[in-house]
Amino acid sequence: MPNRPIIRRLSETEPVACPCGEAYRIVTGDDGAPASFHITRISGRATKHRHARLTETYYCMEGFGQIELDDETHDFTPGTVVVIPPGVAHAVRGDVMIVNVVIPPFDGEDEELVE
């Protein structure tokens, strides 16, 4: 855990491509924080994937879509929170902007594409 506060701004963060679309990785494992914090824009069809170690918490900020969790599909609309434990294959379909909190911090090597 860092011994000082971390202050970041979305406007100062460059997006990176990810299976979900475009992620702004505002706080990452390099910061020494216990979780990473991303803002992700998903447009159309995200690639279904899973993680062996990571728990992701998605919060839909804006837009409308559906989230696939293994073989189930659920509406994904503003105000919806979804906690995705390790091993659950997931993808969002639609046009949404989400907050994604990842514990432990996101590690790209712990990402298995399933489509």
PDB file of N, CA and C in Angstrom:
ATOM      1  N   MET A   1       0.852  -1.180   0.000  1.00  0.00           N
ATOM      2  CA  MET A   1       0.000   0.000   0.000  1.00  0.00           C
ATOM      3  C   MET A   1       0.891   1.235   0.000  1.00  0.00           C
ATOM      4  N   PRO A   2       0.591   2.218  -0.847  1.00  0.00           N
ATOM      5  CA  PRO A   2       1.413   3.436  -0.860  1.00  0.00           C
ATOM      6  C   PRO A   2       1.286   4.180   0.462  1.00  0.00           C
ATOM      7  N   ASN A   3       2.332   4.899   0.805  1.00  0.00           N
ATOM      8  CA  ASN A   3       2.307   5.646   2.064  1.00  0.00           C
ATOM      9  C   ASN A   3       1.856   7.084   1.869  1.00  0.00           C
ATOM     10  N   ARG A   4       1.276   7.356   0.695  1.00  0.00           N
ATOM     11  CA  ARG A   4       0.734   8.689   0.431  1.00  0.00           C
ATOM     12  C   ARG A   4      -0.483   8.553  -0.476  1.00  0.00           C
ATOM     13  N   PRO A   5      -1.352   9.534  -0.462  1.00  0.00           N
ATOM     14  CA  PRO A   5      -2.532   9.468  -1.333  1.00  0.00           C
ATOM     15  C   PRO A   5      -2.143   9.459  -2.810  1.00  0.00           C
ATOM     16  N   ILE A   6      -2.991   8.856  -3.617  1.00  0.00           N
ATOM     17  CA  ILE A   6      -2.835   8.859  -5.071  1.00  0.00           C
ATOM     18  C   ILE A   6      -3.953   9.731  -5.633  1.00  0.00           C
ATOM     19  N   ILE A   7      -3.590  10.710  -6.432  1.00  0.00           N
ATOM     20  CA  ILE A   7      -4.581  11.584  -7.070  1.00  0.00           C
ATOM     21  C   ILE A   7      -4.339  11.533  -8.566  1.00  0.00           C
ATOM     22  N   ARG A   8      -5.357  11.149  -9.302  1.00  0.00           N
ATOM     23  CA  ARG A   8      -5.270  11.064 -10.758  1.00  0.00           C
ATOM     24  C   ARG A   8      -6.516  11.684 -11.362  1.00  0.00           C
ATOM     25  N   ARG A   9      -6.402  12.071 -12.627  1.00  0.00           N
ATOM     26  CA  ARG A   9      -7.539  12.628 -13.346  1.00  0.00           C
ATOM     27  C   ARG A   9      -7.748  11.852 -14.644  1.00  0.00           C
ATOM     28  N   LEU A  10      -8.996  11.559 -14.938  1.00  0.00           N
ATOM     29  CA  LEU A  10      -9.341  10.887 -16.188  1.00  0.00           C
ATOM     30  C   LEU A  10      -8.786  11.664 -17.371  1.00  0.00           C
ATOM     31  N   SER A  11      -8.888  12.980 -17.325  1.00  0.00           N
ATOM     32  CA  SER A  11      -8.452  13.828 -18.438  1.00  0.00           C
ATOM     33  C   SER A  11      -6.943  13.744 -18.684  1.00  0.00           C
ATOM     34  N   GLU A  12      -6.202  13.230 -17.735  1.00  0.00           N
ATOM     35  CA  GLU A  12      -4.740  13.114 -17.869  1.00  0.00           C
ATOM     36  C   GLU A  12      -4.287  11.675 -18.123  1.00  0.00           C
ATOM     37  N   THR A  13      -5.246  10.784 -18.382  1.00  0.00           N
ATOM     38  CA  THR A  13      -4.951   9.365 -18.582  1.00  0.00           C
ATOM     39  C   THR A  13      -5.198   8.991 -20.037  1.00  0.00           C
ATOM     40  N   GLU A  14      -4.239   8.316 -20.658  1.00  0.00           N
ATOM     41  CA  GLU A  14      -4.376   7.872 -22.047  1.00  0.00           C
ATOM     42  C   GLU A  14      -5.109   6.534 -22.094  1.00  0.00           C
ATOM     43  N   PRO A  15      -6.027   6.357 -23.029  1.00  0.00           N
ATOM     44  CA  PRO A  15      -6.733   5.076 -23.140  1.00  0.00           C
ATOM     45  C   PRO A  15      -5.846   4.003 -23.756  1.00  0.00           C
ATOM     46  N   VAL A  16      -6.146   2.750 -23.402  1.00  0.00           N
ATOM     47  CA  VAL A  16      -5.481   1.600 -24.013  1.00  0.00           C
ATOM     48  C   VAL A  16      -6.561   0.629 -24.492  1.00  0.00           C
ATOM     49  N   ALA A  17      -6.271  -0.082 -25.581  1.00  0.00           N
ATOM     50  CA  ALA A  17      -7.204  -1.082 -26.092  1.00  0.00           C
ATOM     51  C   ALA A  17      -7.232  -2.272 -25.145  1.00  0.00           C
ATOM     52  N   CYS A  18      -8.407  -2.869 -24.968  1.00  0.00           N
ATOM     53  CA  CYS A  18      -8.566  -4.048 -24.131  1.00  0.00           C
ATOM     54  C   CYS A  18      -9.693  -4.885 -24.709  1.00  0.00           C
ATOM     55  N   PRO A  19      -9.884  -6.138 -24.239  1.00  0.00           N
ATOM     56  CA  PRO A  19     -10.967  -6.964 -24.790  1.00  0.00           C
ATOM     57  C   PRO A  19     -12.342  -6.325 -24.644  1.00  0.00           C
ATOM     58  N   CYS A  20     -12.482  -5.408 -23.686  1.00  0.00           N
ATOM     59  CA  CYS A  20     -13.772  -4.761 -23.466  1.00  0.00           C
ATOM     60  C   CYS A  20     -13.977  -3.552 -24.360  1.00  0.00           C
ATOM     61  N   GLY A  21     -12.924  -2.981 -24.874  1.00  0.00           N
ATOM     62  CA  GLY A  21     -13.042  -1.781 -25.688  1.00  0.00           C
ATOM     63  C   GLY A  21     -11.851  -0.873 -25.477  1.00  0.00           C
ATOM     64  N   GLU A  22     -12.072   0.219 -24.740  1.00  0.00           N
ATOM     65  CA  GLU A  22     -11.037   1.213 -24.501  1.00  0.00           C
ATOM     66  C   GLU A  22     -11.020   1.536 -23.013  1.00  0.00           C
ATOM     67  N   ALA A  23      -9.885   1.273 -22.359  1.00  0.00           N
ATOM     68  CA  ALA A  23      -9.787   1.455 -20.911  1.00  0.00           C
ATOM     69  C   ALA A  23      -8.858   2.609 -20.562  1.00  0.00           C
ATOM     70  N   TYR A  24      -9.302   3.395 -19.610  1.00  0.00           N
ATOM     71  CA  TYR A  24      -8.471   4.429 -19.002  1.00  0.00           C
ATOM     72  C   TYR A  24      -8.032   3.864 -17.661  1.00  0.00           C
ATOM     73  N   ARG A  25      -6.822   3.391 -17.583  1.00  0.00           N
ATOM     74  CA  ARG A  25      -6.312   2.731 -16.373  1.00  0.00           C
ATOM     75  C   ARG A  25      -5.719   3.800 -15.466  1.00  0.00           C
ATOM     76  N   ILE A  26      -6.582   4.369 -14.658  1.00  0.00           N
ATOM     77  CA  ILE A  26      -6.241   5.542 -13.864  1.00  0.00           C
ATOM     78  C   ILE A  26      -5.318   5.183 -12.703  1.00  0.00           C
ATOM     79  N   VAL A  27      -5.633   4.104 -11.988  1.00  0.00           N
ATOM     80  CA  VAL A  27      -4.771   3.589 -10.917  1.00  0.00           C
ATOM     81  C   VAL A  27      -4.455   2.147 -11.279  1.00  0.00           C
ATOM     82  N   THR A  28      -3.162   1.784 -11.235  1.00  0.00           N
ATOM     83  CA  THR A  28      -2.734   0.443 -11.635  1.00  0.00           C
ATOM     84  C   THR A  28      -1.890  -0.196 -10.537  1.00  0.00           C
ATOM     85  N   GLY A  29      -1.533  -1.446 -10.764  1.00  0.00           N
ATOM     86  CA  GLY A  29      -0.671  -2.155  -9.827  1.00  0.00           C
ATOM     87  C   GLY A  29       0.664  -1.464  -9.617  1.00  0.00           C
ATOM     88  N   ASP A  30       1.130  -0.718 -10.607  1.00  0.00           N
ATOM     89  CA  ASP A  30       2.395   0.013 -10.461  1.00  0.00           C
ATOM     90  C   ASP A  30       2.327   1.076  -9.373  1.00  0.00           C
ATOM     91  N   ASP A  31       1.117   1.470  -8.986  1.00  0.00           N
ATOM     92  CA  ASP A  31       0.955   2.490  -7.955  1.00  0.00           C
ATOM     93  C   ASP A  31       1.064   1.917  -6.544  1.00  0.00           C
ATOM     94  N   GLY A  32       1.073   0.586  -6.415  1.00  0.00           N
ATOM     95  CA  GLY A  32       1.148  -0.032  -5.099  1.00  0.00           C
ATOM     96  C   GLY A  32      -0.168  -0.046  -4.345  1.00  0.00           C
ATOM     97  N   ALA A  33      -1.254   0.303  -5.010  1.00  0.00           N
ATOM     98  CA  ALA A  33      -2.577   0.299  -4.369  1.00  0.00           C
ATOM     99  C   ALA A  33      -3.112  -1.138  -4.314  1.00  0.00           C
ATOM    100  N   PRO A  34      -4.062  -1.426  -3.417  1.00  0.00           N
ATOM    101  CA  PRO A  34      -4.603  -2.785  -3.303  1.00  0.00           C
ATOM    102  C   PRO A  34      -5.568  -3.165  -4.421  1.00  0.00           C
ATOM    103  N   ALA A  35      -5.965  -2.194  -5.249  1.00  0.00           N
ATOM    104  CA  ALA A  35      -6.879  -2.434  -6.365  1.00  0.00           C
ATOM    105  C   ALA A  35      -6.492  -1.502  -7.507  1.00  0.00           C
ATOM    106  N   SER A  36      -6.908  -1.859  -8.711  1.00  0.00           N
ATOM    107  CA  SER A  36      -6.770  -0.909  -9.809  1.00  0.00           C
ATOM    108  C   SER A  36      -8.145  -0.315 -10.101  1.00  0.00           C
ATOM    109  N   PHE A  37      -8.143   0.854 -10.720  1.00  0.00           N
ATOM    110  CA  PHE A  37      -9.367   1.608 -10.981  1.00  0.00           C
ATOM    111  C   PHE A  37      -9.326   2.048 -12.432  1.00  0.00           C
ATOM    112  N   HIS A  38     -10.295   1.570 -13.212  1.00  0.00           N
ATOM    113  CA  HIS A  38     -10.352   1.889 -14.637  1.00  0.00           C
ATOM    114  C   HIS A  38     -11.707   2.484 -14.983  1.00  0.00           C
ATOM    115  N   ILE A  39     -11.717   3.344 -15.978  1.00  0.00           N
ATOM    116  CA  ILE A  39     -12.940   3.764 -16.647  1.00  0.00           C
ATOM    117  C   ILE A  39     -12.852   3.149 -18.038  1.00  0.00           C
ATOM    118  N   THR A  40     -13.880   2.407 -18.431  1.00  0.00           N
ATOM    119  CA  THR A  40     -13.824   1.690 -19.702  1.00  0.00           C
ATOM    120  C   THR A  40     -15.048   2.015 -20.543  1.00  0.00           C
ATOM    121  N   ARG A  41     -14.783   2.331 -21.809  1.00  0.00           N
ATOM    122  CA  ARG A  41     -15.865   2.552 -22.772  1.00  0.00           C
ATOM    123  C   ARG A  41     -15.969   1.297 -23.624  1.00  0.00           C
ATOM    124  N   ILE A  42     -17.168   0.713 -23.623  1.00  0.00           N
ATOM    125  CA  ILE A  42     -17.447  -0.493 -24.389  1.00  0.00           C
ATOM    126  C   ILE A  42     -18.407  -0.111 -25.499  1.00  0.00           C
ATOM    127  N   SER A  43     -18.021  -0.382 -26.740  1.00  0.00           N
ATOM    128  CA  SER A  43     -18.865  -0.050 -27.890  1.00  0.00           C
ATOM    129  C   SER A  43     -19.097  -1.307 -28.704  1.00  0.00           C
ATOM    130  N   GLY A  44     -20.330  -1.750 -28.741  1.00  0.00           N
ATOM    131  CA  GLY A  44     -20.665  -2.925 -29.542  1.00  0.00           C
ATOM    132  C   GLY A  44     -20.495  -4.211 -28.779  1.00  0.00           C
ATOM    133  N   ARG A  45     -19.506  -4.977 -29.143  1.00  0.00           N
ATOM    134  CA  ARG A  45     -19.347  -6.322 -28.608  1.00  0.00           C
ATOM    135  C   ARG A  45     -17.952  -6.490 -28.011  1.00  0.00           C
ATOM    136  N   ALA A  46     -17.882  -6.629 -26.708  1.00  0.00           N
ATOM    137  CA  ALA A  46     -16.611  -6.917 -26.051  1.00  0.00           C
ATOM    138  C   ALA A  46     -16.266  -8.382 -26.267  1.00  0.00           C
ATOM    139  N   THR A  47     -15.000  -8.707 -26.178  1.00  0.00           N
ATOM    140  CA  THR A  47     -14.560 -10.093 -26.301  1.00  0.00           C
ATOM    141  C   THR A  47     -14.744 -10.797 -24.958  1.00  0.00           C
ATOM    142  N   LYS A  48     -15.443 -11.928 -24.973  1.00  0.00           N
ATOM    143  CA  LYS A  48     -15.684 -12.666 -23.738  1.00  0.00           C
ATOM    144  C   LYS A  48     -14.357 -13.210 -23.211  1.00  0.00           C
ATOM    145  N   HIS A  49     -14.146 -13.032 -21.916  1.00  0.00           N
ATOM    146  CA  HIS A  49     -12.892 -13.444 -21.300  1.00  0.00           C
ATOM    147  C   HIS A  49     -13.114 -13.780 -19.835  1.00  0.00           C
ATOM    148  N   ARG A  50     -12.084 -14.344 -19.214  1.00  0.00           N
ATOM    149  CA  ARG A  50     -12.141 -14.651 -17.780  1.00  0.00           C
ATOM    150  C   ARG A  50     -10.765 -14.416 -17.180  1.00  0.00           C
ATOM    151  N   HIS A  51     -10.758 -14.369 -15.863  1.00  0.00           N
ATOM    152  CA  HIS A  51      -9.509 -14.198 -15.106  1.00  0.00           C
ATOM    153  C   HIS A  51      -9.411 -15.318 -14.078  1.00  0.00           C
ATOM    154  N   ALA A  52      -8.224 -15.823 -13.851  1.00  0.00           N
ATOM    155  CA  ALA A  52      -8.025 -16.898 -12.877  1.00  0.00           C
ATOM    156  C   ALA A  52      -7.927 -16.357 -11.452  1.00  0.00           C
ATOM    157  N   ARG A  53      -7.378 -15.137 -11.292  1.00  0.00           N
ATOM    158  CA  ARG A  53      -7.127 -14.591  -9.950  1.00  0.00           C
ATOM    159  C   ARG A  53      -7.919 -13.328  -9.631  1.00  0.00           C
ATOM    160  N   LEU A  54      -8.341 -12.604 -10.643  1.00  0.00           N
ATOM    161  CA  LEU A  54      -8.877 -11.258 -10.430  1.00  0.00           C
ATOM    162  C   LEU A  54     -10.383 -11.263 -10.190  1.00  0.00           C
ATOM    163  N   THR A  55     -10.818 -10.431  -9.259  1.00  0.00           N
ATOM    164  CA  THR A  55     -12.229 -10.116  -9.088  1.00  0.00           C
ATOM    165  C   THR A  55     -12.443  -8.725  -9.661  1.00  0.00           C
ATOM    166  N   GLU A  56     -13.406  -8.607 -10.575  1.00  0.00           N
ATOM    167  CA  GLU A  56     -13.718  -7.315 -11.157  1.00  0.00           C
ATOM    168  C   GLU A  56     -15.093  -6.870 -10.667  1.00  0.00           C
ATOM    169  N   THR A  57     -15.213  -5.594 -10.376  1.00  0.00           N
ATOM    170  CA  THR A  57     -16.502  -5.008 -10.047  1.00  0.00           C
ATOM    171  C   THR A  57     -16.799  -3.946 -11.092  1.00  0.00           C
ATOM    172  N   TYR A  58     -17.857  -4.182 -11.864  1.00  0.00           N
ATOM    173  CA  TYR A  58     -18.289  -3.247 -12.897  1.00  0.00           C
ATOM    174  C   TYR A  58     -19.440  -2.405 -12.350  1.00  0.00           C
ATOM    175  N   TYR A  59     -19.371  -1.103 -12.602  1.00  0.00           N
ATOM    176  CA  TYR A  59     -20.479  -0.194 -12.301  1.00  0.00           C
ATOM    177  C   TYR A  59     -20.807   0.543 -13.593  1.00  0.00           C
ATOM    178  N   CYS A  60     -22.040   0.394 -14.078  1.00  0.00           N
ATOM    179  CA  CYS A  60     -22.455   1.052 -15.308  1.00  0.00           C
ATOM    180  C   CYS A  60     -22.774   2.515 -15.022  1.00  0.00           C
ATOM    181  N   MET A  61     -21.985   3.405 -15.613  1.00  0.00           N
ATOM    182  CA  MET A  61     -22.186   4.840 -15.435  1.00  0.00           C
ATOM    183  C   MET A  61     -23.195   5.399 -16.442  1.00  0.00           C
ATOM    184  N   GLU A  62     -23.079   4.940 -17.688  1.00  0.00           N
ATOM    185  CA  GLU A  62     -23.971   5.458 -18.731  1.00  0.00           C
ATOM    186  C   GLU A  62     -24.083   4.453 -19.859  1.00  0.00           C
ATOM    187  N   GLY A  63     -25.168   4.562 -20.613  1.00  0.00           N
ATOM    188  CA  GLY A  63     -25.407   3.686 -21.749  1.00  0.00           C
ATOM    189  C   GLY A  63     -26.279   2.507 -21.370  1.00  0.00           C
ATOM    190  N   PHE A  64     -26.528   1.654 -22.356  1.00  0.00           N
ATOM    191  CA  PHE A  64     -27.398   0.502 -22.148  1.00  0.00           C
ATOM    192  C   PHE A  64     -26.812  -0.694 -22.872  1.00  0.00           C
ATOM    193  N   GLY A  65     -26.934  -1.863 -22.254  1.00  0.00           N
ATOM    194  CA  GLY A  65     -26.447  -3.083 -22.881  1.00  0.00           C
ATOM    195  C   GLY A  65     -26.843  -4.285 -22.062  1.00  0.00           C
ATOM    196  N   GLN A  66     -26.134  -5.358 -22.320  1.00  0.00           N
ATOM    197  CA  GLN A  66     -26.317  -6.593 -21.575  1.00  0.00           C
ATOM    198  C   GLN A  66     -24.950  -7.112 -21.178  1.00  0.00           C
ATOM    199  N   ILE A  67     -24.909  -7.817 -20.048  1.00  0.00           N
ATOM    200  CA  ILE A  67     -23.672  -8.434 -19.609  1.00  0.00           C
ATOM    201  C   ILE A  67     -23.873  -9.943 -19.592  1.00  0.00           C
ATOM    202  N   GLU A  68     -22.935 -10.650 -20.218  1.00  0.00           N
ATOM    203  CA  GLU A  68     -22.933 -12.102 -20.211  1.00  0.00           C
ATOM    204  C   GLU A  68     -22.010 -12.569 -19.089  1.00  0.00           C
ATOM    205  N   LEU A  69     -22.530 -13.455 -18.255  1.00  0.00           N
ATOM    206  CA  LEU A  69     -21.771 -14.045 -17.156  1.00  0.00           C
ATOM    207  C   LEU A  69     -21.892 -15.553 -17.313  1.00  0.00           C
ATOM    208  N   ASP A  70     -20.816 -16.201 -17.775  1.00  0.00           N
ATOM    209  CA  ASP A  70     -20.857 -17.601 -18.191  1.00  0.00           C
ATOM    210  C   ASP A  70     -21.980 -17.750 -19.214  1.00  0.00           C
ATOM    211  N   ASP A  71     -23.025 -18.504 -18.909  1.00  0.00           N
ATOM    212  CA  ASP A  71     -24.095 -18.747 -19.887  1.00  0.00           C
ATOM    213  C   ASP A  71     -25.358 -17.933 -19.615  1.00  0.00           C
ATOM    214  N   GLU A  72     -25.286 -16.964 -18.709  1.00  0.00           N
ATOM    215  CA  GLU A  72     -26.452 -16.130 -18.394  1.00  0.00           C
ATOM    216  C   GLU A  72     -26.245 -14.720 -18.938  1.00  0.00           C
ATOM    217  N   THR A  73     -27.349 -14.086 -19.330  1.00  0.00           N
ATOM    218  CA  THR A  73     -27.313 -12.712 -19.820  1.00  0.00           C
ATOM    219  C   THR A  73     -28.243 -11.866 -18.965  1.00  0.00           C
ATOM    220  N   HIS A  74     -27.766 -10.668 -18.592  1.00  0.00           N
ATOM    221  CA  HIS A  74     -28.528  -9.758 -17.738  1.00  0.00           C
ATOM    222  C   HIS A  74     -28.485  -8.363 -18.348  1.00  0.00           C
ATOM    223  N   ASP A  75     -29.559  -7.586 -18.144  1.00  0.00           N
ATOM    224  CA  ASP A  75     -29.541  -6.189 -18.556  1.00  0.00           C
ATOM    225  C   ASP A  75     -28.452  -5.457 -17.782  1.00  0.00           C
ATOM    226  N   PHE A  76     -27.806  -4.524 -18.460  1.00  0.00           N
ATOM    227  CA  PHE A  76     -26.724  -3.743 -17.856  1.00  0.00           C
ATOM    228  C   PHE A  76     -26.995  -2.283 -18.176  1.00  0.00           C
ATOM    229  N   THR A  77     -27.523  -1.562 -17.190  1.00  0.00           N
ATOM    230  CA  THR A  77     -27.994  -0.199 -17.375  1.00  0.00           C
ATOM    231  C   THR A  77     -27.400   0.689 -16.281  1.00  0.00           C
ATOM    232  N   PRO A  78     -27.468   2.010 -16.433  1.00  0.00           N
ATOM    233  CA  PRO A  78     -26.896   2.900 -15.439  1.00  0.00           C
ATOM    234  C   PRO A  78     -27.370   2.569 -14.019  1.00  0.00           C
ATOM    235  N   GLY A  79     -26.410   2.528 -13.113  1.00  0.00           N
ATOM    236  CA  GLY A  79     -26.688   2.210 -11.722  1.00  0.00           C
ATOM    237  C   GLY A  79     -26.512   0.737 -11.383  1.00  0.00           C
ATOM    238  N   THR A  80     -26.273  -0.112 -12.380  1.00  0.00           N
ATOM    239  CA  THR A  80     -26.080  -1.540 -12.142  1.00  0.00           C
ATOM    240  C   THR A  80     -24.646  -1.815 -11.693  1.00  0.00           C
ATOM    241  N   VAL A  81     -24.503  -2.625 -10.646  1.00  0.00           N
ATOM    242  CA  VAL A  81     -23.198  -3.090 -10.169  1.00  0.00           C
ATOM    243  C   VAL A  81     -23.149  -4.598 -10.347  1.00  0.00           C
ATOM    244  N   VAL A  82     -22.052  -5.101 -10.904  1.00  0.00           N
ATOM    245  CA  VAL A  82     -21.846  -6.537 -11.086  1.00  0.00           C
ATOM    246  C   VAL A  82     -20.473  -6.891 -10.528  1.00  0.00           C
ATOM    247  N   VAL A  83     -20.436  -7.826  -9.588  1.00  0.00           N
ATOM    248  CA  VAL A  83     -19.176  -8.336  -9.059  1.00  0.00           C
ATOM    249  C   VAL A  83     -18.885  -9.645  -9.777  1.00  0.00           C
ATOM    250  N   ILE A  84     -17.732  -9.713 -10.446  1.00  0.00           N
ATOM    251  CA  ILE A  84     -17.374 -10.863 -11.277  1.00  0.00           C
ATOM    252  C   ILE A  84     -16.206 -11.591 -10.617  1.00  0.00           C
ATOM    253  N   PRO A  85     -16.473 -12.747  -9.999  1.00  0.00           N
ATOM    254  CA  PRO A  85     -15.400 -13.476  -9.329  1.00  0.00           C
ATOM    255  C   PRO A  85     -14.468 -14.166 -10.331  1.00  0.00           C
ATOM    256  N   PRO A  86     -13.293 -14.582  -9.868  1.00  0.00           N
ATOM    257  CA  PRO A  86     -12.380 -15.314 -10.742  1.00  0.00           C
ATOM    258  C   PRO A  86     -13.067 -16.523 -11.369  1.00  0.00           C
ATOM    259  N   GLY A  87     -12.725 -16.797 -12.626  1.00  0.00           N
ATOM    260  CA  GLY A  87     -13.232 -17.965 -13.321  1.00  0.00           C
ATOM    261  C   GLY A  87     -14.518 -17.762 -14.092  1.00  0.00           C
ATOM    262  N   VAL A  88     -15.222 -16.652 -13.882  1.00  0.00           N
ATOM    263  CA  VAL A  88     -16.483 -16.404 -14.580  1.00  0.00           C
ATOM    264  C   VAL A  88     -16.184 -15.709 -15.909  1.00  0.00           C
ATOM    265  N   ALA A  89     -16.565 -16.357 -17.017  1.00  0.00           N
ATOM    266  CA  ALA A  89     -16.395 -15.744 -18.333  1.00  0.00           C
ATOM    267  C   ALA A  89     -17.412 -14.616 -18.469  1.00  0.00           C
ATOM    268  N   HIS A  90     -16.969 -13.475 -18.995  1.00  0.00           N
ATOM    269  CA  HIS A  90     -17.851 -12.311 -19.037  1.00  0.00           C
ATOM    270  C   HIS A  90     -17.566 -11.420 -20.240  1.00  0.00           C
ATOM    271  N   ALA A  91     -18.618 -10.709 -20.648  1.00  0.00           N
ATOM    272  CA  ALA A  91     -18.525  -9.736 -21.729  1.00  0.00           C
ATOM    273  C   ALA A  91     -19.747  -8.843 -21.673  1.00  0.00           C
ATOM    274  N   VAL A  92     -19.568  -7.601 -22.067  1.00  0.00           N
ATOM    275  CA  VAL A  92     -20.676  -6.655 -22.167  1.00  0.00           C
ATOM    276  C   VAL A  92     -20.980  -6.446 -23.638  1.00  0.00           C
ATOM    277  N   ARG A  93     -22.268  -6.433 -23.964  1.00  0.00           N
ATOM    278  CA  ARG A  93     -22.748  -6.153 -25.315  1.00  0.00           C
ATOM    279  C   ARG A  93     -23.544  -4.861 -25.248  1.00  0.00           C
ATOM    280  N   GLY A  94     -23.200  -3.905 -26.085  1.00  0.00           N
ATOM    281  CA  GLY A  94     -23.904  -2.631 -26.096  1.00  0.00           C
ATOM    282  C   GLY A  94     -22.925  -1.483 -26.073  1.00  0.00           C
ATOM    283  N   ASP A  95     -23.432  -0.312 -25.804  1.00  0.00           N
ATOM    284  CA  ASP A  95     -22.597   0.890 -25.714  1.00  0.00           C
ATOM    285  C   ASP A  95     -22.733   1.457 -24.322  1.00  0.00           C
ATOM    286  N   VAL A  96     -21.706   1.244 -23.502  1.00  0.00           N
ATOM    287  CA  VAL A  96     -21.741   1.673 -22.107  1.00  0.00           C
ATOM    288  C   VAL A  96     -20.397   2.241 -21.685  1.00  0.00           C
ATOM    289  N   MET A  97     -20.429   3.020 -20.620  1.00  0.00           N
ATOM    290  CA  MET A  97     -19.213   3.450 -19.945  1.00  0.00           C
ATOM    291  C   MET A  97     -19.295   2.913 -18.526  1.00  0.00           C
ATOM    292  N   ILE A  98     -18.225   2.240 -18.087  1.00  0.00           N
ATOM    293  CA  ILE A  98     -18.229   1.619 -16.773  1.00  0.00           C
ATOM    294  C   ILE A  98     -17.051   2.076 -15.933  1.00  0.00           C
ATOM    295  N   VAL A  99     -17.218   1.951 -14.629  1.00  0.00           N
ATOM    296  CA  VAL A  99     -16.111   1.973 -13.685  1.00  0.00           C
ATOM    297  C   VAL A  99     -15.778   0.507 -13.443  1.00  0.00           C
ATOM    298  N   ASN A 100     -14.502   0.172 -13.466  1.00  0.00           N
ATOM    299  CA  ASN A 100     -14.048  -1.194 -13.213  1.00  0.00           C
ATOM    300  C   ASN A 100     -13.008  -1.155 -12.103  1.00  0.00           C
ATOM    301  N   VAL A 101     -13.348  -1.762 -10.960  1.00  0.00           N
ATOM    302  CA  VAL A 101     -12.401  -1.883  -9.843  1.00  0.00           C
ATOM    303  C   VAL A 101     -11.929  -3.326  -9.836  1.00  0.00           C
ATOM    304  N   VAL A 102     -10.620  -3.524  -9.890  1.00  0.00           N
ATOM    305  CA  VAL A 102     -10.034  -4.853 -10.022  1.00  0.00           C
ATOM    306  C   VAL A 102      -9.177  -5.164  -8.797  1.00  0.00           C
ATOM    307  N   ILE A 103      -9.457  -6.316  -8.149  1.00  0.00           N
ATOM    308  CA  ILE A 103      -8.728  -6.743  -6.950  1.00  0.00           C
ATOM    309  C   ILE A 103      -8.251  -8.170  -7.172  1.00  0.00           C
ATOM    310  N   PRO A 104      -6.967  -8.479  -6.970  1.00  0.00           N
ATOM    311  CA  PRO A 104      -5.863  -7.538  -6.859  1.00  0.00           C
ATOM    312  C   PRO A 104      -5.743  -6.704  -8.133  1.00  0.00           C
ATOM    313  N   PRO A 105      -4.835  -5.741  -8.171  1.00  0.00           N
ATOM    314  CA  PRO A 105      -4.743  -4.880  -9.350  1.00  0.00           C
ATOM    315  C   PRO A 105      -4.629  -5.668 -10.648  1.00  0.00           C
ATOM    316  N   PHE A 106      -5.193  -5.109 -11.702  1.00  0.00           N
ATOM    317  CA  PHE A 106      -5.236  -5.740 -13.013  1.00  0.00           C
ATOM    318  C   PHE A 106      -3.863  -6.222 -13.452  1.00  0.00           C
ATOM    319  N   ASP A 107      -3.841  -7.433 -14.016  1.00  0.00           N
ATOM    320  CA  ASP A 107      -2.642  -8.045 -14.576  1.00  0.00           C
ATOM    321  C   ASP A 107      -3.037  -8.634 -15.924  1.00  0.00           C
ATOM    322  N   GLY A 108      -2.524  -8.080 -16.994  1.00  0.00           N
ATOM    323  CA  GLY A 108      -2.880  -8.526 -18.336  1.00  0.00           C
ATOM    324  C   GLY A 108      -2.549  -9.980 -18.613  1.00  0.00           C
ATOM    325  N   GLU A 109      -1.635 -10.558 -17.849  1.00  0.00           N
ATOM    326  CA  GLU A 109      -1.303 -11.971 -18.040  1.00  0.00           C
ATOM    327  C   GLU A 109      -2.367 -12.886 -17.445  1.00  0.00           C
ATOM    328  N   ASP A 110      -3.257 -12.328 -16.625  1.00  0.00           N
ATOM    329  CA  ASP A 110      -4.341 -13.122 -16.039  1.00  0.00           C
ATOM    330  C   ASP A 110      -5.644 -12.831 -16.798  1.00  0.00           C
ATOM    331  N   GLU A 111      -5.580 -12.990 -18.100  1.00  0.00           N
ATOM    332  CA  GLU A 111      -6.740 -12.722 -18.942  1.00  0.00           C
ATOM    333  C   GLU A 111      -6.781 -13.788 -20.029  1.00  0.00           C
ATOM    334  N   GLU A 112      -7.829 -14.596 -20.019  1.00  0.00           N
ATOM    335  CA  GLU A 112      -7.982 -15.665 -21.003  1.00  0.00           C
ATOM    336  C   GLU A 112      -9.187 -15.366 -21.871  1.00  0.00           C
ATOM    337  N   LEU A 113      -8.971 -15.188 -23.176  1.00  0.00           N
ATOM    338  CA  LEU A 113     -10.065 -14.964 -24.101  1.00  0.00           C
ATOM    339  C   LEU A 113     -10.789 -16.282 -24.331  1.00  0.00           C
ATOM    340  N   VAL A 114     -12.126 -16.249 -24.324  1.00  0.00           N
ATOM    341  CA  VAL A 114     -12.896 -17.481 -24.487  1.00  0.00           C
ATOM    342  C   VAL A 114     -13.751 -17.467 -25.750  1.00  0.00           C
ATOM    343  N   GLU A 115     -13.624 -16.444 -26.592  1.00  0.00           N
ATOM    344  CA  GLU A 115     -14.342 -16.386 -27.876  1.00  0.00           C
ATOM    345  C   GLU A 115     -13.332 -16.409 -28.993  1.00  0.00           C
TER     346      GLU A 115
END
